[in-house]
Amino acid sequence: MFCVTRRPPAWAASACAEYLKRIGQGLDLRVREFAPKHAVGTGQQREAEAAMLLRALPAAARLVALDERGDPWSTAELAAHLRRWRDDAQEVVFAIGGADGHGVALRTAAHATWSLSRLTLPHALARVVVVEQIYRAWSLLHNHPYHRA
């Protein structure tokens, strides 16, 4: 998972670490942080951050942009995506943009866009929600009792 952010608060880092520990070695989920870019205008900043993330993206990886205009996946839908990506042996990168969102270049390059909510979430909370939902979907695929819905 790519995150454009300053250092997350301790509570967010702790929550993410807990879910990453629960996932264990069954899924290689790592969080990579990128410092926000500073540019003259918001549009330039978004595009500079998009270029930075796209340069770091592994060549064959599927890119999933977290974006308010994305599709509102349920946990079961996320689990279906994870199953398909696993079965196709595809590396997937989830991208959380900077404070002003993703640039056009990144949204265009994304294979999918996922909206966590119509609400505006702080970046630290969005990161926790993404990691928790990946854990929940992963537990659903493995018939683990964590997901009870």
N, C-alpha and C. Protein backbone atom coordinates (compact mmCIF):
# COMPACT_ATOMS: atom_id res chain seq x y z
N MET A 1 0.85 -1.16 0.00
CA MET A 1 0.00 0.00 0.00
C MET A 1 0.90 1.23 0.00
N PHE A 2 0.62 2.16 -0.88
CA PHE A 2 1.34 3.43 -0.96
C PHE A 2 0.50 4.50 -0.26
N CYS A 3 1.13 5.29 0.58
CA CYS A 3 0.44 6.39 1.27
C CYS A 3 1.25 7.66 1.14
N VAL A 4 0.63 8.71 0.62
CA VAL A 4 1.27 10.03 0.61
C VAL A 4 0.84 10.69 1.91
N THR A 5 1.79 10.81 2.82
CA THR A 5 1.44 11.30 4.15
C THR A 5 2.68 11.73 4.91
N ARG A 6 2.46 12.55 5.88
CA ARG A 6 3.49 12.79 6.87
C ARG A 6 3.42 11.61 7.84
N ARG A 7 4.29 11.56 8.78
CA ARG A 7 4.31 10.46 9.75
C ARG A 7 2.93 10.29 10.39
N PRO A 8 2.39 9.08 10.36
CA PRO A 8 1.06 8.89 10.95
C PRO A 8 1.09 8.98 12.47
N PRO A 9 -0.03 9.34 13.09
CA PRO A 9 -0.07 9.38 14.55
C PRO A 9 0.11 7.96 15.11
N ALA A 10 0.53 7.89 16.36
CA ALA A 10 0.84 6.60 17.00
C ALA A 10 -0.35 5.65 16.97
N TRP A 11 -1.57 6.16 17.18
CA TRP A 11 -2.73 5.28 17.22
C TRP A 11 -2.95 4.61 15.86
N ALA A 12 -2.71 5.32 14.77
CA ALA A 12 -2.90 4.75 13.43
C ALA A 12 -1.81 3.74 13.13
N ALA A 13 -0.59 4.07 13.46
CA ALA A 13 0.52 3.13 13.24
C ALA A 13 0.29 1.86 14.04
N SER A 14 -0.18 2.00 15.28
CA SER A 14 -0.44 0.85 16.14
C SER A 14 -1.57 -0.02 15.58
N ALA A 15 -2.65 0.62 15.14
CA ALA A 15 -3.78 -0.14 14.58
C ALA A 15 -3.37 -0.88 13.32
N CYS A 16 -2.64 -0.22 12.43
CA CYS A 16 -2.17 -0.88 11.21
C CYS A 16 -1.26 -2.05 11.54
N ALA A 17 -0.35 -1.84 12.49
CA ALA A 17 0.57 -2.91 12.89
C ALA A 17 -0.19 -4.11 13.42
N GLU A 18 -1.25 -3.87 14.17
CA GLU A 18 -2.05 -4.97 14.71
C GLU A 18 -2.69 -5.80 13.58
N TYR A 19 -3.29 -5.14 12.60
CA TYR A 19 -3.91 -5.87 11.50
C TYR A 19 -2.87 -6.56 10.62
N LEU A 20 -1.74 -5.92 10.41
CA LEU A 20 -0.66 -6.56 9.63
C LEU A 20 -0.17 -7.80 10.35
N LYS A 21 -0.08 -7.75 11.68
CA LYS A 21 0.33 -8.91 12.46
C LYS A 21 -0.69 -10.04 12.33
N ARG A 22 -1.97 -9.69 12.36
CA ARG A 22 -3.03 -10.69 12.23
C ARG A 22 -3.00 -11.36 10.86
N ILE A 23 -2.71 -10.59 9.84
CA ILE A 23 -2.63 -11.16 8.49
C ILE A 23 -1.50 -12.18 8.43
N GLY A 24 -0.41 -11.86 9.11
CA GLY A 24 0.72 -12.78 9.15
C GLY A 24 1.37 -12.94 7.79
N GLN A 25 1.86 -14.14 7.54
CA GLN A 25 2.58 -14.40 6.31
C GLN A 25 1.68 -14.88 5.18
N GLY A 26 0.39 -14.98 5.43
CA GLY A 26 -0.52 -15.44 4.39
C GLY A 26 -0.71 -14.44 3.26
N LEU A 27 -0.39 -13.20 3.53
CA LEU A 27 -0.55 -12.13 2.55
C LEU A 27 0.57 -11.13 2.76
N ASP A 28 1.28 -10.82 1.71
CA ASP A 28 2.40 -9.88 1.81
C ASP A 28 1.86 -8.46 1.66
N LEU A 29 1.44 -7.88 2.77
CA LEU A 29 0.90 -6.53 2.77
C LEU A 29 1.87 -5.62 3.50
N ARG A 30 2.39 -4.64 2.79
CA ARG A 30 3.33 -3.68 3.35
C ARG A 30 2.84 -2.28 3.08
N VAL A 31 3.15 -1.38 3.99
CA VAL A 31 2.80 0.03 3.83
C VAL A 31 4.08 0.80 3.51
N ARG A 32 4.03 1.54 2.42
CA ARG A 32 5.16 2.38 2.03
C ARG A 32 4.70 3.83 2.03
N GLU A 33 5.40 4.64 2.80
CA GLU A 33 5.03 6.05 2.93
C GLU A 33 5.86 6.93 2.00
N PHE A 34 5.20 7.94 1.45
CA PHE A 34 5.84 8.92 0.57
C PHE A 34 5.55 10.30 1.14
N ALA A 35 6.58 11.12 1.23
CA ALA A 35 6.40 12.48 1.74
C ALA A 35 5.60 13.30 0.73
N PRO A 36 4.66 14.11 1.22
CA PRO A 36 3.92 14.98 0.31
C PRO A 36 4.86 15.91 -0.45
N LYS A 37 4.50 16.21 -1.69
CA LYS A 37 5.27 17.15 -2.50
C LYS A 37 4.74 18.56 -2.26
N HIS A 38 5.62 19.51 -2.36
CA HIS A 38 5.20 20.91 -2.20
C HIS A 38 5.33 21.57 -3.57
N ALA A 39 4.24 22.14 -4.04
CA ALA A 39 4.21 22.78 -5.35
C ALA A 39 3.44 24.09 -5.24
N VAL A 40 3.50 24.85 -6.31
CA VAL A 40 2.87 26.17 -6.32
C VAL A 40 1.36 26.07 -6.16
N GLY A 41 0.73 25.15 -6.86
CA GLY A 41 -0.71 25.03 -6.80
C GLY A 41 -1.15 23.60 -6.48
N THR A 42 -2.40 23.47 -6.12
CA THR A 42 -2.95 22.16 -5.77
C THR A 42 -2.84 21.18 -6.92
N GLY A 43 -3.17 21.61 -8.11
CA GLY A 43 -3.08 20.73 -9.28
C GLY A 43 -1.66 20.23 -9.52
N GLN A 44 -0.70 21.14 -9.41
CA GLN A 44 0.69 20.75 -9.60
C GLN A 44 1.15 19.78 -8.50
N GLN A 45 0.68 20.01 -7.29
CA GLN A 45 1.05 19.13 -6.18
C GLN A 45 0.49 17.73 -6.42
N ARG A 46 -0.79 17.65 -6.80
CA ARG A 46 -1.40 16.34 -7.09
C ARG A 46 -0.64 15.61 -8.18
N GLU A 47 -0.28 16.32 -9.24
CA GLU A 47 0.42 15.67 -10.36
C GLU A 47 1.84 15.26 -9.96
N ALA A 48 2.52 16.07 -9.14
CA ALA A 48 3.86 15.70 -8.68
C ALA A 48 3.79 14.45 -7.81
N GLU A 49 2.78 14.37 -6.96
CA GLU A 49 2.62 13.18 -6.12
C GLU A 49 2.23 11.97 -6.96
N ALA A 50 1.39 12.18 -7.96
CA ALA A 50 1.01 11.08 -8.86
C ALA A 50 2.23 10.54 -9.58
N ALA A 51 3.07 11.43 -10.09
CA ALA A 51 4.28 11.00 -10.80
C ALA A 51 5.20 10.23 -9.86
N MET A 52 5.32 10.67 -8.62
CA MET A 52 6.16 10.00 -7.64
C MET A 52 5.66 8.57 -7.38
N LEU A 53 4.36 8.41 -7.20
CA LEU A 53 3.79 7.08 -6.95
C LEU A 53 3.91 6.19 -8.18
N LEU A 54 3.66 6.75 -9.34
CA LEU A 54 3.74 5.94 -10.57
C LEU A 54 5.17 5.48 -10.83
N ARG A 55 6.16 6.30 -10.51
CA ARG A 55 7.56 5.88 -10.66
C ARG A 55 7.89 4.72 -9.73
N ALA A 56 7.28 4.68 -8.56
CA ALA A 56 7.57 3.64 -7.57
C ALA A 56 6.77 2.36 -7.82
N LEU A 57 5.78 2.43 -8.67
CA LEU A 57 4.90 1.29 -8.92
C LEU A 57 5.64 0.17 -9.65
N PRO A 58 5.64 -1.05 -9.12
CA PRO A 58 6.26 -2.16 -9.85
C PRO A 58 5.60 -2.33 -11.22
N ALA A 59 6.38 -2.74 -12.19
CA ALA A 59 5.94 -2.77 -13.60
C ALA A 59 4.65 -3.55 -13.83
N ALA A 60 4.51 -4.71 -13.25
CA ALA A 60 3.35 -5.55 -13.54
C ALA A 60 2.23 -5.41 -12.51
N ALA A 61 2.37 -4.50 -11.56
CA ALA A 61 1.39 -4.39 -10.48
C ALA A 61 0.09 -3.77 -10.96
N ARG A 62 -0.99 -4.23 -10.36
CA ARG A 62 -2.30 -3.60 -10.56
C ARG A 62 -2.40 -2.45 -9.56
N LEU A 63 -2.87 -1.32 -10.02
CA LEU A 63 -2.97 -0.14 -9.18
C LEU A 63 -4.44 0.09 -8.82
N VAL A 64 -4.70 0.20 -7.53
CA VAL A 64 -6.03 0.51 -7.03
C VAL A 64 -5.93 1.85 -6.31
N ALA A 65 -6.57 2.86 -6.87
CA ALA A 65 -6.54 4.20 -6.28
C ALA A 65 -7.70 4.34 -5.30
N LEU A 66 -7.39 4.79 -4.10
CA LEU A 66 -8.44 5.12 -3.14
C LEU A 66 -8.89 6.53 -3.46
N ASP A 67 -10.16 6.66 -3.83
CA ASP A 67 -10.65 7.94 -4.33
C ASP A 67 -12.13 8.05 -4.04
N GLU A 68 -12.56 9.22 -3.63
CA GLU A 68 -13.97 9.42 -3.29
C GLU A 68 -14.90 9.17 -4.48
N ARG A 69 -14.37 9.24 -5.70
CA ARG A 69 -15.19 9.01 -6.89
C ARG A 69 -15.17 7.54 -7.32
N GLY A 70 -14.52 6.71 -6.51
CA GLY A 70 -14.38 5.30 -6.86
C GLY A 70 -15.63 4.48 -6.59
N ASP A 71 -15.50 3.20 -6.82
CA ASP A 71 -16.61 2.27 -6.57
C ASP A 71 -16.64 1.91 -5.09
N PRO A 72 -17.83 1.90 -4.50
CA PRO A 72 -17.95 1.59 -3.07
C PRO A 72 -18.03 0.07 -2.85
N TRP A 73 -16.87 -0.58 -2.76
CA TRP A 73 -16.85 -2.04 -2.62
C TRP A 73 -17.32 -2.46 -1.24
N SER A 74 -18.08 -3.55 -1.22
CA SER A 74 -18.40 -4.20 0.04
C SER A 74 -17.21 -5.08 0.42
N THR A 75 -17.24 -5.60 1.63
CA THR A 75 -16.17 -6.52 2.05
C THR A 75 -16.15 -7.75 1.16
N ALA A 76 -17.32 -8.27 0.82
CA ALA A 76 -17.39 -9.45 -0.05
C ALA A 76 -16.83 -9.13 -1.44
N GLU A 77 -17.08 -7.94 -1.94
CA GLU A 77 -16.52 -7.56 -3.25
C GLU A 77 -15.01 -7.42 -3.17
N LEU A 78 -14.50 -6.84 -2.08
CA LEU A 78 -13.05 -6.75 -1.90
C LEU A 78 -12.46 -8.16 -1.83
N ALA A 79 -13.11 -9.06 -1.11
CA ALA A 79 -12.63 -10.45 -1.02
C ALA A 79 -12.59 -11.09 -2.40
N ALA A 80 -13.59 -10.84 -3.23
CA ALA A 80 -13.61 -11.39 -4.59
C ALA A 80 -12.45 -10.84 -5.41
N HIS A 81 -12.16 -9.55 -5.27
CA HIS A 81 -11.00 -8.96 -5.96
C HIS A 81 -9.72 -9.62 -5.48
N LEU A 82 -9.56 -9.74 -4.14
CA LEU A 82 -8.35 -10.36 -3.59
C LEU A 82 -8.18 -11.79 -4.11
N ARG A 83 -9.28 -12.53 -4.17
CA ARG A 83 -9.22 -13.91 -4.67
C ARG A 83 -8.74 -13.93 -6.12
N ARG A 84 -9.32 -13.07 -6.93
CA ARG A 84 -8.95 -13.03 -8.36
C ARG A 84 -7.49 -12.63 -8.52
N TRP A 85 -7.05 -11.61 -7.78
CA TRP A 85 -5.66 -11.17 -7.89
C TRP A 85 -4.71 -12.27 -7.41
N ARG A 86 -5.09 -12.94 -6.33
CA ARG A 86 -4.26 -14.05 -5.83
C ARG A 86 -4.19 -15.18 -6.86
N ASP A 87 -5.34 -15.57 -7.40
CA ASP A 87 -5.39 -16.66 -8.37
C ASP A 87 -4.62 -16.33 -9.65
N ASP A 88 -4.60 -15.04 -10.01
CA ASP A 88 -3.86 -14.60 -11.19
C ASP A 88 -2.41 -14.24 -10.87
N ALA A 89 -2.02 -14.44 -9.60
CA ALA A 89 -0.66 -14.12 -9.12
C ALA A 89 -0.27 -12.69 -9.45
N GLN A 90 -1.19 -11.76 -9.22
CA GLN A 90 -0.94 -10.36 -9.51
C GLN A 90 -0.56 -9.59 -8.26
N GLU A 91 0.48 -8.77 -8.37
CA GLU A 91 0.82 -7.85 -7.30
C GLU A 91 -0.14 -6.67 -7.40
N VAL A 92 -0.61 -6.22 -6.26
CA VAL A 92 -1.56 -5.12 -6.22
C VAL A 92 -1.02 -4.04 -5.29
N VAL A 93 -1.15 -2.80 -5.73
CA VAL A 93 -0.77 -1.66 -4.91
C VAL A 93 -2.01 -0.80 -4.71
N PHE A 94 -2.39 -0.62 -3.44
CA PHE A 94 -3.46 0.30 -3.08
C PHE A 94 -2.79 1.65 -2.83
N ALA A 95 -3.33 2.73 -3.39
CA ALA A 95 -2.71 4.04 -3.26
C ALA A 95 -3.65 5.04 -2.59
N ILE A 96 -3.18 5.58 -1.47
CA ILE A 96 -3.88 6.66 -0.79
C ILE A 96 -3.12 7.94 -1.12
N GLY A 97 -3.80 8.87 -1.75
CA GLY A 97 -3.14 10.09 -2.21
C GLY A 97 -2.88 11.08 -1.10
N GLY A 98 -2.34 12.21 -1.47
CA GLY A 98 -2.05 13.28 -0.53
C GLY A 98 -3.31 13.99 -0.08
N ALA A 99 -3.13 15.06 0.66
CA ALA A 99 -4.26 15.80 1.25
C ALA A 99 -5.26 16.29 0.19
N ASP A 100 -4.79 16.52 -1.02
CA ASP A 100 -5.68 17.02 -2.08
C ASP A 100 -6.09 15.93 -3.06
N GLY A 101 -5.82 14.69 -2.73
CA GLY A 101 -6.25 13.58 -3.58
C GLY A 101 -5.21 13.22 -4.63
N HIS A 102 -5.65 12.38 -5.56
CA HIS A 102 -4.78 11.89 -6.63
C HIS A 102 -4.80 12.81 -7.84
N GLY A 103 -3.68 12.85 -8.53
CA GLY A 103 -3.61 13.56 -9.80
C GLY A 103 -4.27 12.76 -10.90
N VAL A 104 -4.58 13.43 -11.98
CA VAL A 104 -5.23 12.79 -13.13
C VAL A 104 -4.40 11.62 -13.65
N ALA A 105 -3.09 11.79 -13.70
CA ALA A 105 -2.22 10.74 -14.24
C ALA A 105 -2.37 9.44 -13.46
N LEU A 106 -2.47 9.53 -12.14
CA LEU A 106 -2.61 8.32 -11.34
C LEU A 106 -4.00 7.73 -11.49
N ARG A 107 -5.03 8.56 -11.47
CA ARG A 107 -6.39 8.03 -11.64
C ARG A 107 -6.54 7.36 -12.99
N THR A 108 -5.91 7.92 -14.01
CA THR A 108 -5.97 7.33 -15.35
C THR A 108 -5.23 6.00 -15.41
N ALA A 109 -4.11 5.90 -14.72
CA ALA A 109 -3.30 4.68 -14.73
C ALA A 109 -3.90 3.57 -13.87
N ALA A 110 -4.79 3.93 -12.95
CA ALA A 110 -5.35 2.95 -12.01
C ALA A 110 -6.21 1.92 -12.74
N HIS A 111 -6.07 0.68 -12.33
CA HIS A 111 -6.90 -0.40 -12.86
C HIS A 111 -8.28 -0.39 -12.21
N ALA A 112 -8.36 0.18 -11.02
CA ALA A 112 -9.62 0.29 -10.30
C ALA A 112 -9.54 1.47 -9.35
N THR A 113 -10.68 2.02 -9.01
CA THR A 113 -10.74 3.05 -7.97
C THR A 113 -11.75 2.57 -6.93
N TRP A 114 -11.36 2.71 -5.68
CA TRP A 114 -12.17 2.22 -4.57
C TRP A 114 -12.46 3.39 -3.65
N SER A 115 -13.74 3.59 -3.36
CA SER A 115 -14.16 4.61 -2.42
C SER A 115 -14.52 3.94 -1.10
N LEU A 116 -13.86 4.35 -0.03
CA LEU A 116 -14.17 3.79 1.28
C LEU A 116 -15.50 4.30 1.81
N SER A 117 -15.85 5.52 1.41
CA SER A 117 -17.06 6.15 1.93
C SER A 117 -17.29 7.44 1.17
N ARG A 118 -18.51 7.95 1.25
CA ARG A 118 -18.77 9.27 0.71
C ARG A 118 -18.29 10.35 1.67
N LEU A 119 -17.93 9.94 2.90
CA LEU A 119 -17.39 10.87 3.88
C LEU A 119 -15.95 11.20 3.54
N THR A 120 -15.47 12.34 3.99
CA THR A 120 -14.06 12.68 3.88
C THR A 120 -13.38 12.16 5.14
N LEU A 121 -12.40 11.27 4.95
CA LEU A 121 -11.70 10.67 6.08
C LEU A 121 -10.29 11.23 6.20
N PRO A 122 -9.79 11.40 7.42
CA PRO A 122 -8.39 11.77 7.57
C PRO A 122 -7.52 10.63 7.03
N HIS A 123 -6.35 10.98 6.51
CA HIS A 123 -5.49 9.97 5.89
C HIS A 123 -5.14 8.83 6.84
N ALA A 124 -4.85 9.15 8.08
CA ALA A 124 -4.48 8.10 9.04
C ALA A 124 -5.62 7.12 9.24
N LEU A 125 -6.83 7.63 9.33
CA LEU A 125 -7.99 6.75 9.51
C LEU A 125 -8.25 5.94 8.24
N ALA A 126 -8.11 6.55 7.08
CA ALA A 126 -8.29 5.83 5.82
C ALA A 126 -7.31 4.66 5.73
N ARG A 127 -6.09 4.89 6.14
CA ARG A 127 -5.07 3.83 6.10
C ARG A 127 -5.50 2.66 6.99
N VAL A 128 -5.97 2.97 8.20
CA VAL A 128 -6.41 1.91 9.11
C VAL A 128 -7.60 1.16 8.51
N VAL A 129 -8.55 1.88 7.94
CA VAL A 129 -9.72 1.24 7.35
C VAL A 129 -9.31 0.32 6.20
N VAL A 130 -8.40 0.76 5.35
CA VAL A 130 -7.95 -0.08 4.23
C VAL A 130 -7.29 -1.36 4.74
N VAL A 131 -6.38 -1.23 5.69
CA VAL A 131 -5.68 -2.41 6.20
C VAL A 131 -6.66 -3.34 6.91
N GLU A 132 -7.58 -2.77 7.70
CA GLU A 132 -8.57 -3.61 8.38
C GLU A 132 -9.46 -4.33 7.38
N GLN A 133 -9.90 -3.63 6.35
CA GLN A 133 -10.79 -4.26 5.37
C GLN A 133 -10.06 -5.34 4.56
N ILE A 134 -8.78 -5.13 4.28
CA ILE A 134 -8.02 -6.18 3.60
C ILE A 134 -7.92 -7.39 4.52
N TYR A 135 -7.66 -7.16 5.81
CA TYR A 135 -7.63 -8.27 6.76
C TYR A 135 -8.99 -8.97 6.84
N ARG A 136 -10.06 -8.20 6.90
CA ARG A 136 -11.41 -8.78 6.99
C ARG A 136 -11.72 -9.60 5.74
N ALA A 137 -11.41 -9.05 4.57
CA ALA A 137 -11.66 -9.78 3.31
C ALA A 137 -10.81 -11.05 3.25
N TRP A 138 -9.56 -10.94 3.69
CA TRP A 138 -8.66 -12.09 3.71
C TRP A 138 -9.21 -13.16 4.67
N SER A 139 -9.73 -12.74 5.82
CA SER A 139 -10.29 -13.70 6.77
C SER A 139 -11.56 -14.34 6.20
N LEU A 140 -12.32 -13.60 5.44
CA LEU A 140 -13.51 -14.14 4.78
C LEU A 140 -13.12 -15.24 3.79
N LEU A 141 -12.06 -15.01 3.03
CA LEU A 141 -11.59 -16.00 2.06
C LEU A 141 -11.10 -17.28 2.74
N HIS A 142 -10.65 -17.15 3.99
CA HIS A 142 -10.09 -18.30 4.70
C HIS A 142 -11.02 -18.83 5.79
N ASN A 143 -12.30 -18.45 5.71
CA ASN A 143 -13.32 -18.92 6.67
C ASN A 143 -12.91 -18.69 8.13
N HIS A 144 -12.22 -17.60 8.35
CA HIS A 144 -11.82 -17.22 9.70
C HIS A 144 -13.01 -16.52 10.37
N PRO A 145 -13.24 -16.73 11.65
CA PRO A 145 -14.43 -16.16 12.30
C PRO A 145 -14.42 -14.64 12.47
N TYR A 146 -13.33 -13.94 12.14
CA TYR A 146 -13.31 -12.48 12.30
C TYR A 146 -14.45 -11.82 11.54
N HIS A 147 -14.69 -12.30 10.31
CA HIS A 147 -15.78 -11.71 9.51
C HIS A 147 -17.05 -12.50 9.77
N ARG A 148 -18.02 -11.84 10.37
CA ARG A 148 -19.25 -12.53 10.75
C ARG A 148 -20.48 -12.11 9.96
N ALA A 149 -20.36 -11.19 9.05
CA ALA A 149 -21.53 -10.67 8.33
C ALA A 149 -22.12 -11.71 7.40
